[in-house]
Amino acid sequence: MEPITVLVADDHTLFREGLVMLLSLQDDIRVVGEAEDGLQTLSMAEALQPDILLLDVRMPKLGGLEVLKQMRVKRSRTRTLILSGFFEDELITDAFQHGAKGYLLKTAKQEDLIKAIQTTHAGELWAERKVLTQVVESMLQSMEGLKAPLSALRENLTKREHEVAKWVMQGMTNKEIASQLGISERTVKAHLCNIFSKLKVSRRLQLLLRQIVERTD
């Protein structure tokens, strides 16, 4: 089986070199290049066509979100995994909406980084439970300005959906919620999809959340 090819893009030299060294120890991953700014990242991504672009969201010359936009226009086959030190709800949602396939914090464990690369390479979305919780909380807060009050929308949730939502906000995984409520993980996922629908999440964000929910166990 061919190794997963990765382009590492980060303007902090020590951090970037540390990532390269770490990834070089993995049998199923091969680093094909390093970039230190956004323009260099675009050029190298187009020339090397890596499977995965490990991209810092704050880059000189061209920011990470702009890199994502331009790669989307070019219809690049490369899947982008954001690796960021910033935990901002707007930044997270913007990254996904501009084509990122995953969002990982720089405080993540080594095994999570490797799993994130493998997961995005397999065509799935990746987000840590903490990131998912932030996106959901941001979505709920943003709905305060809708014509239908958030409290009214929440009244549409069943008692069980309220319970599931409560545990999600406390950072529990689908597996933990299933155990807590004595139901299957598939049922938990179904409840979450219903919750997103009843809270009138936009179709694009709803699809994003559903895909993330499918793999956050």
C-alpha atoms as a PDB file:
ATOM      1  CA  MET A   1       0.000   0.000   0.000  1.00  0.00           C
ATOM      2  CA  GLU A   2       1.327   3.410  -0.996  1.00  0.00           C
ATOM      3  CA  PRO A   3       2.113   5.795   1.900  1.00  0.00           C
ATOM      4  CA  ILE A   4       0.013   8.913   2.423  1.00  0.00           C
ATOM      5  CA  THR A   5       1.896  11.873   0.965  1.00  0.00           C
ATOM      6  CA  VAL A   6       1.845  15.024   3.102  1.00  0.00           C
ATOM      7  CA  LEU A   7       2.855  18.636   2.541  1.00  0.00           C
ATOM      8  CA  VAL A   8       3.527  20.477   5.829  1.00  0.00           C
ATOM      9  CA  ALA A   9       2.809  24.228   5.770  1.00  0.00           C
ATOM     10  CA  ASP A  10       3.666  26.289   8.847  1.00  0.00           C
ATOM     11  CA  ASP A  11       5.657  29.492   9.233  1.00  0.00           C
ATOM     12  CA  HIS A  12       7.189  28.479  12.575  1.00  0.00           C
ATOM     13  CA  THR A  13      10.366  26.658  11.619  1.00  0.00           C
ATOM     14  CA  LEU A  14      10.890  24.639  14.805  1.00  0.00           C
ATOM     15  CA  PHE A  15       7.268  23.504  14.906  1.00  0.00           C
ATOM     16  CA  ARG A  16       7.276  22.615  11.207  1.00  0.00           C
ATOM     17  CA  GLU A  17      10.513  20.668  11.461  1.00  0.00           C
ATOM     18  CA  GLY A  18       9.198  18.861  14.525  1.00  0.00           C
ATOM     19  CA  LEU A  19       6.110  17.797  12.594  1.00  0.00           C
ATOM     20  CA  VAL A  20       8.214  16.548   9.705  1.00  0.00           C
ATOM     21  CA  MET A  21      10.402  14.551  12.077  1.00  0.00           C
ATOM     22  CA  LEU A  22       7.352  13.075  13.798  1.00  0.00           C
ATOM     23  CA  LEU A  23       5.621  12.117  10.564  1.00  0.00           C
ATOM     24  CA  SER A  24       8.801  10.599   9.129  1.00  0.00           C
ATOM     25  CA  LEU A  25       8.583   7.930  11.838  1.00  0.00           C
ATOM     26  CA  GLN A  26       5.263   6.666  10.440  1.00  0.00           C
ATOM     27  CA  ASP A  27       5.443   3.810   7.943  1.00  0.00           C
ATOM     28  CA  ASP A  28       2.244   4.829   6.171  1.00  0.00           C
ATOM     29  CA  ILE A  29       3.058   8.551   5.831  1.00  0.00           C
ATOM     30  CA  ARG A  30       5.644  10.263   3.618  1.00  0.00           C
ATOM     31  CA  VAL A  31       6.359  14.008   3.838  1.00  0.00           C
ATOM     32  CA  VAL A  32       6.965  15.332   0.332  1.00  0.00           C
ATOM     33  CA  GLY A  33       7.601  18.977   1.147  1.00  0.00           C
ATOM     34  CA  GLU A  34       7.627  21.910   3.569  1.00  0.00           C
ATOM     35  CA  ALA A  35       6.198  25.389   3.019  1.00  0.00           C
ATOM     36  CA  GLU A  36       6.663  28.469   5.183  1.00  0.00           C
ATOM     37  CA  ASP A  37       4.111  30.881   3.717  1.00  0.00           C
ATOM     38  CA  GLY A  38       0.796  30.792   1.887  1.00  0.00           C
ATOM     39  CA  LEU A  39       2.100  31.550  -1.599  1.00  0.00           C
ATOM     40  CA  GLN A  40       4.774  28.862  -1.333  1.00  0.00           C
ATOM     41  CA  THR A  41       2.096  26.458  -0.062  1.00  0.00           C
ATOM     42  CA  LEU A  42      -0.077  26.991  -3.147  1.00  0.00           C
ATOM     43  CA  SER A  43       2.872  26.572  -5.486  1.00  0.00           C
ATOM     44  CA  MET A  44       4.125  23.388  -3.820  1.00  0.00           C
ATOM     45  CA  ALA A  45       0.642  21.902  -3.486  1.00  0.00           C
ATOM     46  CA  GLU A  46       0.078  22.343  -7.211  1.00  0.00           C
ATOM     47  CA  ALA A  47       3.507  20.943  -8.118  1.00  0.00           C
ATOM     48  CA  LEU A  48       3.557  18.012  -5.689  1.00  0.00           C
ATOM     49  CA  GLN A  49      -0.157  17.122  -5.562  1.00  0.00           C
ATOM     50  CA  PRO A  50       0.117  15.619  -2.041  1.00  0.00           C
ATOM     51  CA  ASP A  51      -2.687  13.520  -0.597  1.00  0.00           C
ATOM     52  CA  ILE A  52      -2.842  15.729   2.497  1.00  0.00           C
ATOM     53  CA  LEU A  53      -1.957  19.373   3.123  1.00  0.00           C
ATOM     54  CA  LEU A  54      -1.276  19.982   6.798  1.00  0.00           C
ATOM     55  CA  LEU A  55      -1.960  23.726   6.924  1.00  0.00           C
ATOM     56  CA  ASP A  56      -1.476  26.369   9.598  1.00  0.00           C
ATOM     57  CA  VAL A  57      -4.429  28.770   9.424  1.00  0.00           C
ATOM     58  CA  ARG A  58      -2.327  31.898  10.102  1.00  0.00           C
ATOM     59  CA  MET A  59       0.352  32.135   7.407  1.00  0.00           C
ATOM     60  CA  PRO A  60       2.389  35.088   6.061  1.00  0.00           C
ATOM     61  CA  LYS A  61       1.866  36.429   2.505  1.00  0.00           C
ATOM     62  CA  LEU A  62      -1.369  34.467   2.120  1.00  0.00           C
ATOM     63  CA  GLY A  63      -3.552  33.262   5.004  1.00  0.00           C
ATOM     64  CA  GLY A  64      -4.686  29.690   5.399  1.00  0.00           C
ATOM     65  CA  LEU A  65      -8.331  30.463   4.541  1.00  0.00           C
ATOM     66  CA  GLU A  66      -7.259  32.157   1.298  1.00  0.00           C
ATOM     67  CA  VAL A  67      -5.101  29.130   0.480  1.00  0.00           C
ATOM     68  CA  LEU A  68      -8.193  26.965   0.961  1.00  0.00           C
ATOM     69  CA  LYS A  69     -10.285  29.198  -1.310  1.00  0.00           C
ATOM     70  CA  GLN A  70      -7.744  29.148  -4.123  1.00  0.00           C
ATOM     71  CA  MET A  71      -7.203  25.404  -3.897  1.00  0.00           C
ATOM     72  CA  ARG A  72     -10.962  24.957  -4.129  1.00  0.00           C
ATOM     73  CA  VAL A  73     -11.075  27.087  -7.282  1.00  0.00           C
ATOM     74  CA  LYS A  74      -8.283  24.977  -8.755  1.00  0.00           C
ATOM     75  CA  ARG A  75     -10.273  21.832  -7.845  1.00  0.00           C
ATOM     76  CA  SER A  76      -7.216  20.379  -6.154  1.00  0.00           C
ATOM     77  CA  ARG A  77      -7.383  16.678  -5.267  1.00  0.00           C
ATOM     78  CA  THR A  78      -5.394  17.405  -2.096  1.00  0.00           C
ATOM     79  CA  ARG A  79      -7.371  17.177   1.143  1.00  0.00           C
ATOM     80  CA  THR A  80      -6.540  19.914   3.643  1.00  0.00           C
ATOM     81  CA  LEU A  81      -6.251  19.364   7.376  1.00  0.00           C
ATOM     82  CA  ILE A  82      -6.018  22.577   9.389  1.00  0.00           C
ATOM     83  CA  LEU A  83      -3.574  22.435  12.285  1.00  0.00           C
ATOM     84  CA  SER A  84      -4.049  25.588  14.335  1.00  0.00           C
ATOM     85  CA  GLY A  85      -3.226  27.131  17.668  1.00  0.00           C
ATOM     86  CA  PHE A  86      -6.420  29.212  17.453  1.00  0.00           C
ATOM     87  CA  PHE A  87      -9.703  27.962  18.878  1.00  0.00           C
ATOM     88  CA  GLU A  88     -12.187  30.453  17.437  1.00  0.00           C
ATOM     89  CA  ASP A  89     -15.678  29.355  16.406  1.00  0.00           C
ATOM     90  CA  GLU A  90     -15.841  31.606  13.334  1.00  0.00           C
ATOM     91  CA  LEU A  91     -12.427  30.458  12.182  1.00  0.00           C
ATOM     92  CA  ILE A  92     -13.398  26.804  12.579  1.00  0.00           C
ATOM     93  CA  THR A  93     -16.664  27.101  10.652  1.00  0.00           C
ATOM     94  CA  ASP A  94     -15.037  29.235   7.936  1.00  0.00           C
ATOM     95  CA  ALA A  95     -12.295  26.648   7.473  1.00  0.00           C
ATOM     96  CA  PHE A  96     -14.798  23.857   6.903  1.00  0.00           C
ATOM     97  CA  GLN A  97     -17.001  25.963   4.655  1.00  0.00           C
ATOM     98  CA  HIS A  98     -13.987  26.856   2.493  1.00  0.00           C
ATOM     99  CA  GLY A  99     -13.111  23.223   1.946  1.00  0.00           C
ATOM    100  CA  ALA A 100     -11.032  22.003   4.889  1.00  0.00           C
ATOM    101  CA  LYS A 101     -11.543  18.320   5.626  1.00  0.00           C
ATOM    102  CA  GLY A 102     -10.430  18.554   9.231  1.00  0.00           C
ATOM    103  CA  TYR A 103      -9.519  20.939  12.043  1.00  0.00           C
ATOM    104  CA  LEU A 104      -6.985  19.933  14.668  1.00  0.00           C
ATOM    105  CA  LEU A 105      -5.561  22.022  17.504  1.00  0.00           C
ATOM    106  CA  LYS A 106      -1.789  22.222  17.922  1.00  0.00           C
ATOM    107  CA  THR A 107      -2.255  20.968  21.472  1.00  0.00           C
ATOM    108  CA  ALA A 108      -3.520  17.635  20.115  1.00  0.00           C
ATOM    109  CA  LYS A 109      -1.790  14.391  20.996  1.00  0.00           C
ATOM    110  CA  GLN A 110       0.536  12.705  18.526  1.00  0.00           C
ATOM    111  CA  GLU A 111      -1.856   9.800  17.992  1.00  0.00           C
ATOM    112  CA  ASP A 112      -4.704  12.217  17.213  1.00  0.00           C
ATOM    113  CA  LEU A 113      -2.618  13.913  14.523  1.00  0.00           C
ATOM    114  CA  ILE A 114      -1.839  10.589  12.862  1.00  0.00           C
ATOM    115  CA  LYS A 115      -5.475   9.490  13.085  1.00  0.00           C
ATOM    116  CA  ALA A 116      -6.632  12.821  11.664  1.00  0.00           C
ATOM    117  CA  ILE A 117      -4.336  12.423   8.650  1.00  0.00           C
ATOM    118  CA  GLN A 118      -5.510   8.860   8.070  1.00  0.00           C
ATOM    119  CA  THR A 119      -9.167   9.830   8.480  1.00  0.00           C
ATOM    120  CA  THR A 120      -9.072  12.768   6.063  1.00  0.00           C
ATOM    121  CA  HIS A 121      -7.110  10.678   3.561  1.00  0.00           C
ATOM    122  CA  ALA A 122      -9.924   8.112   3.706  1.00  0.00           C
ATOM    123  CA  GLY A 123     -12.352  10.826   2.599  1.00  0.00           C
ATOM    124  CA  GLU A 124     -13.966  11.551   5.968  1.00  0.00           C
ATOM    125  CA  LEU A 125     -14.108  14.754   7.969  1.00  0.00           C
ATOM    126  CA  TRP A 126     -12.115  15.117  11.173  1.00  0.00           C
ATOM    127  CA  ALA A 127     -12.837  17.283  14.194  1.00  0.00           C
ATOM    128  CA  GLU A 128     -12.005  16.803  17.838  1.00  0.00           C
ATOM    129  CA  ARG A 129     -15.019  16.598  20.153  1.00  0.00           C
ATOM    130  CA  LYS A 130     -13.950  19.948  21.633  1.00  0.00           C
ATOM    131  CA  VAL A 131     -14.091  21.519  18.162  1.00  0.00           C
ATOM    132  CA  LEU A 132     -17.498  19.993  17.409  1.00  0.00           C
ATOM    133  CA  THR A 133     -18.877  21.293  20.702  1.00  0.00           C
ATOM    134  CA  GLN A 134     -17.587  24.794  19.916  1.00  0.00           C
ATOM    135  CA  VAL A 135     -19.229  24.752  16.479  1.00  0.00           C
ATOM    136  CA  VAL A 136     -22.569  23.645  17.918  1.00  0.00           C
ATOM    137  CA  GLU A 137     -22.458  26.212  20.731  1.00  0.00           C
ATOM    138  CA  SER A 138     -21.576  28.956  18.245  1.00  0.00           C
ATOM    139  CA  MET A 139     -24.444  27.904  16.033  1.00  0.00           C
ATOM    140  CA  LEU A 140     -26.888  28.055  18.936  1.00  0.00           C
ATOM    141  CA  GLN A 141     -25.675  31.490  20.032  1.00  0.00           C
ATOM    142  CA  SER A 142     -25.915  32.885  16.502  1.00  0.00           C
ATOM    143  CA  MET A 143     -29.563  31.847  16.354  1.00  0.00           C
ATOM    144  CA  GLU A 144     -30.510  34.355  19.059  1.00  0.00           C
ATOM    145  CA  GLY A 145     -31.069  36.909  16.307  1.00  0.00           C
ATOM    146  CA  LEU A 146     -33.527  34.791  14.315  1.00  0.00           C
ATOM    147  CA  LYS A 147     -37.206  35.718  14.127  1.00  0.00           C
ATOM    148  CA  ALA A 148     -38.074  32.496  15.905  1.00  0.00           C
ATOM    149  CA  PRO A 149     -36.571  32.718  19.421  1.00  0.00           C
ATOM    150  CA  LEU A 150     -34.070  30.035  20.308  1.00  0.00           C
ATOM    151  CA  SER A 151     -36.249  29.049  23.261  1.00  0.00           C
ATOM    152  CA  ALA A 152     -39.153  28.448  20.901  1.00  0.00           C
ATOM    153  CA  LEU A 153     -37.021  26.303  18.610  1.00  0.00           C
ATOM    154  CA  ARG A 154     -35.768  24.303  21.578  1.00  0.00           C
ATOM    155  CA  GLU A 155     -39.361  23.579  22.566  1.00  0.00           C
ATOM    156  CA  ASN A 156     -39.571  21.457  19.415  1.00  0.00           C
ATOM    157  CA  LEU A 157     -37.014  19.050  20.847  1.00  0.00           C
ATOM    158  CA  THR A 158     -38.217  15.889  22.546  1.00  0.00           C
ATOM    159  CA  LYS A 159     -37.183  15.089  26.108  1.00  0.00           C
ATOM    160  CA  ARG A 160     -34.614  12.581  24.804  1.00  0.00           C
ATOM    161  CA  GLU A 161     -33.224  15.095  22.303  1.00  0.00           C
ATOM    162  CA  HIS A 162     -32.799  17.610  25.147  1.00  0.00           C
ATOM    163  CA  GLU A 163     -30.856  14.958  27.072  1.00  0.00           C
ATOM    164  CA  VAL A 164     -28.617  14.175  24.102  1.00  0.00           C
ATOM    165  CA  ALA A 165     -27.960  17.870  23.450  1.00  0.00           C
ATOM    166  CA  LYS A 166     -27.066  18.406  27.121  1.00  0.00           C
ATOM    167  CA  TRP A 167     -24.491  15.632  27.099  1.00  0.00           C
ATOM    168  CA  VAL A 168     -22.991  16.819  23.802  1.00  0.00           C
ATOM    169  CA  MET A 169     -22.477  20.286  25.290  1.00  0.00           C
ATOM    170  CA  GLN A 170     -20.654  18.658  28.195  1.00  0.00           C
ATOM    171  CA  GLY A 171     -18.193  17.107  25.763  1.00  0.00           C
ATOM    172  CA  MET A 172     -19.360  13.483  25.926  1.00  0.00           C
ATOM    173  CA  THR A 173     -18.763  11.210  22.924  1.00  0.00           C
ATOM    174  CA  ASN A 174     -21.578   9.376  21.160  1.00  0.00           C
ATOM    175  CA  LYS A 175     -20.442   6.162  22.824  1.00  0.00           C
ATOM    176  CA  GLU A 176     -20.538   7.753  26.281  1.00  0.00           C
ATOM    177  CA  ILE A 177     -23.959   9.288  25.633  1.00  0.00           C
ATOM    178  CA  ALA A 178     -25.305   5.924  24.469  1.00  0.00           C
ATOM    179  CA  SER A 179     -24.038   4.291  27.654  1.00  0.00           C
ATOM    180  CA  GLN A 180     -25.445   7.092  29.815  1.00  0.00           C
ATOM    181  CA  LEU A 181     -28.916   6.854  28.255  1.00  0.00           C
ATOM    182  CA  GLY A 182     -29.002   3.115  27.632  1.00  0.00           C
ATOM    183  CA  ILE A 183     -29.443   3.447  23.864  1.00  0.00           C
ATOM    184  CA  SER A 184     -27.374   2.515  20.817  1.00  0.00           C
ATOM    185  CA  GLU A 185     -24.767   4.806  19.252  1.00  0.00           C
ATOM    186  CA  ARG A 186     -26.769   4.753  16.032  1.00  0.00           C
ATOM    187  CA  THR A 187     -29.755   6.112  17.945  1.00  0.00           C
ATOM    188  CA  VAL A 188     -27.592   8.885  19.441  1.00  0.00           C
ATOM    189  CA  LYS A 189     -26.494   9.914  15.945  1.00  0.00           C
ATOM    190  CA  ALA A 190     -30.117   9.909  14.766  1.00  0.00           C
ATOM    191  CA  HIS A 191     -31.092  12.165  17.672  1.00  0.00           C
ATOM    192  CA  LEU A 192     -28.270  14.579  16.842  1.00  0.00           C
ATOM    193  CA  CYS A 193     -29.362  14.812  13.217  1.00  0.00           C
ATOM    194  CA  ASN A 194     -32.926  15.550  14.379  1.00  0.00           C
ATOM    195  CA  ILE A 195     -31.632  18.219  16.763  1.00  0.00           C
ATOM    196  CA  PHE A 196     -29.702  19.992  13.999  1.00  0.00           C
ATOM    197  CA  SER A 197     -32.768  19.865  11.756  1.00  0.00           C
ATOM    198  CA  LYS A 198     -35.207  21.160  14.397  1.00  0.00           C
ATOM    199  CA  LEU A 199     -32.868  24.009  15.335  1.00  0.00           C
ATOM    200  CA  LYS A 200     -32.967  25.046  11.669  1.00  0.00           C
ATOM    201  CA  VAL A 201     -29.275  24.725  10.956  1.00  0.00           C
ATOM    202  CA  SER A 202     -28.375  25.760   7.415  1.00  0.00           C
ATOM    203  CA  ARG A 203     -28.092  22.857   4.991  1.00  0.00           C
ATOM    204  CA  ARG A 204     -24.349  23.295   4.488  1.00  0.00           C
ATOM    205  CA  LEU A 205     -23.575  23.453   8.203  1.00  0.00           C
ATOM    206  CA  GLN A 206     -26.065  20.680   8.929  1.00  0.00           C
ATOM    207  CA  LEU A 207     -24.304  18.433   6.434  1.00  0.00           C
ATOM    208  CA  LEU A 208     -20.952  19.332   7.977  1.00  0.00           C
ATOM    209  CA  LEU A 209     -22.150  18.569  11.492  1.00  0.00           C
ATOM    210  CA  ARG A 210     -23.726  15.288  10.431  1.00  0.00           C
ATOM    211  CA  GLN A 211     -20.523  14.109   8.779  1.00  0.00           C
ATOM    212  CA  ILE A 212     -18.461  15.068  11.824  1.00  0.00           C
ATOM    213  CA  VAL A 213     -20.917  13.321  14.150  1.00  0.00           C
ATOM    214  CA  GLU A 214     -20.488  10.147  12.121  1.00  0.00           C
ATOM    215  CA  ARG A 215     -16.836   9.909  13.111  1.00  0.00           C
ATOM    216  CA  THR A 216     -16.417  11.556  16.514  1.00  0.00           C
ATOM    217  CA  ASP A 217     -16.527   8.317  18.501  1.00  0.00           C
END
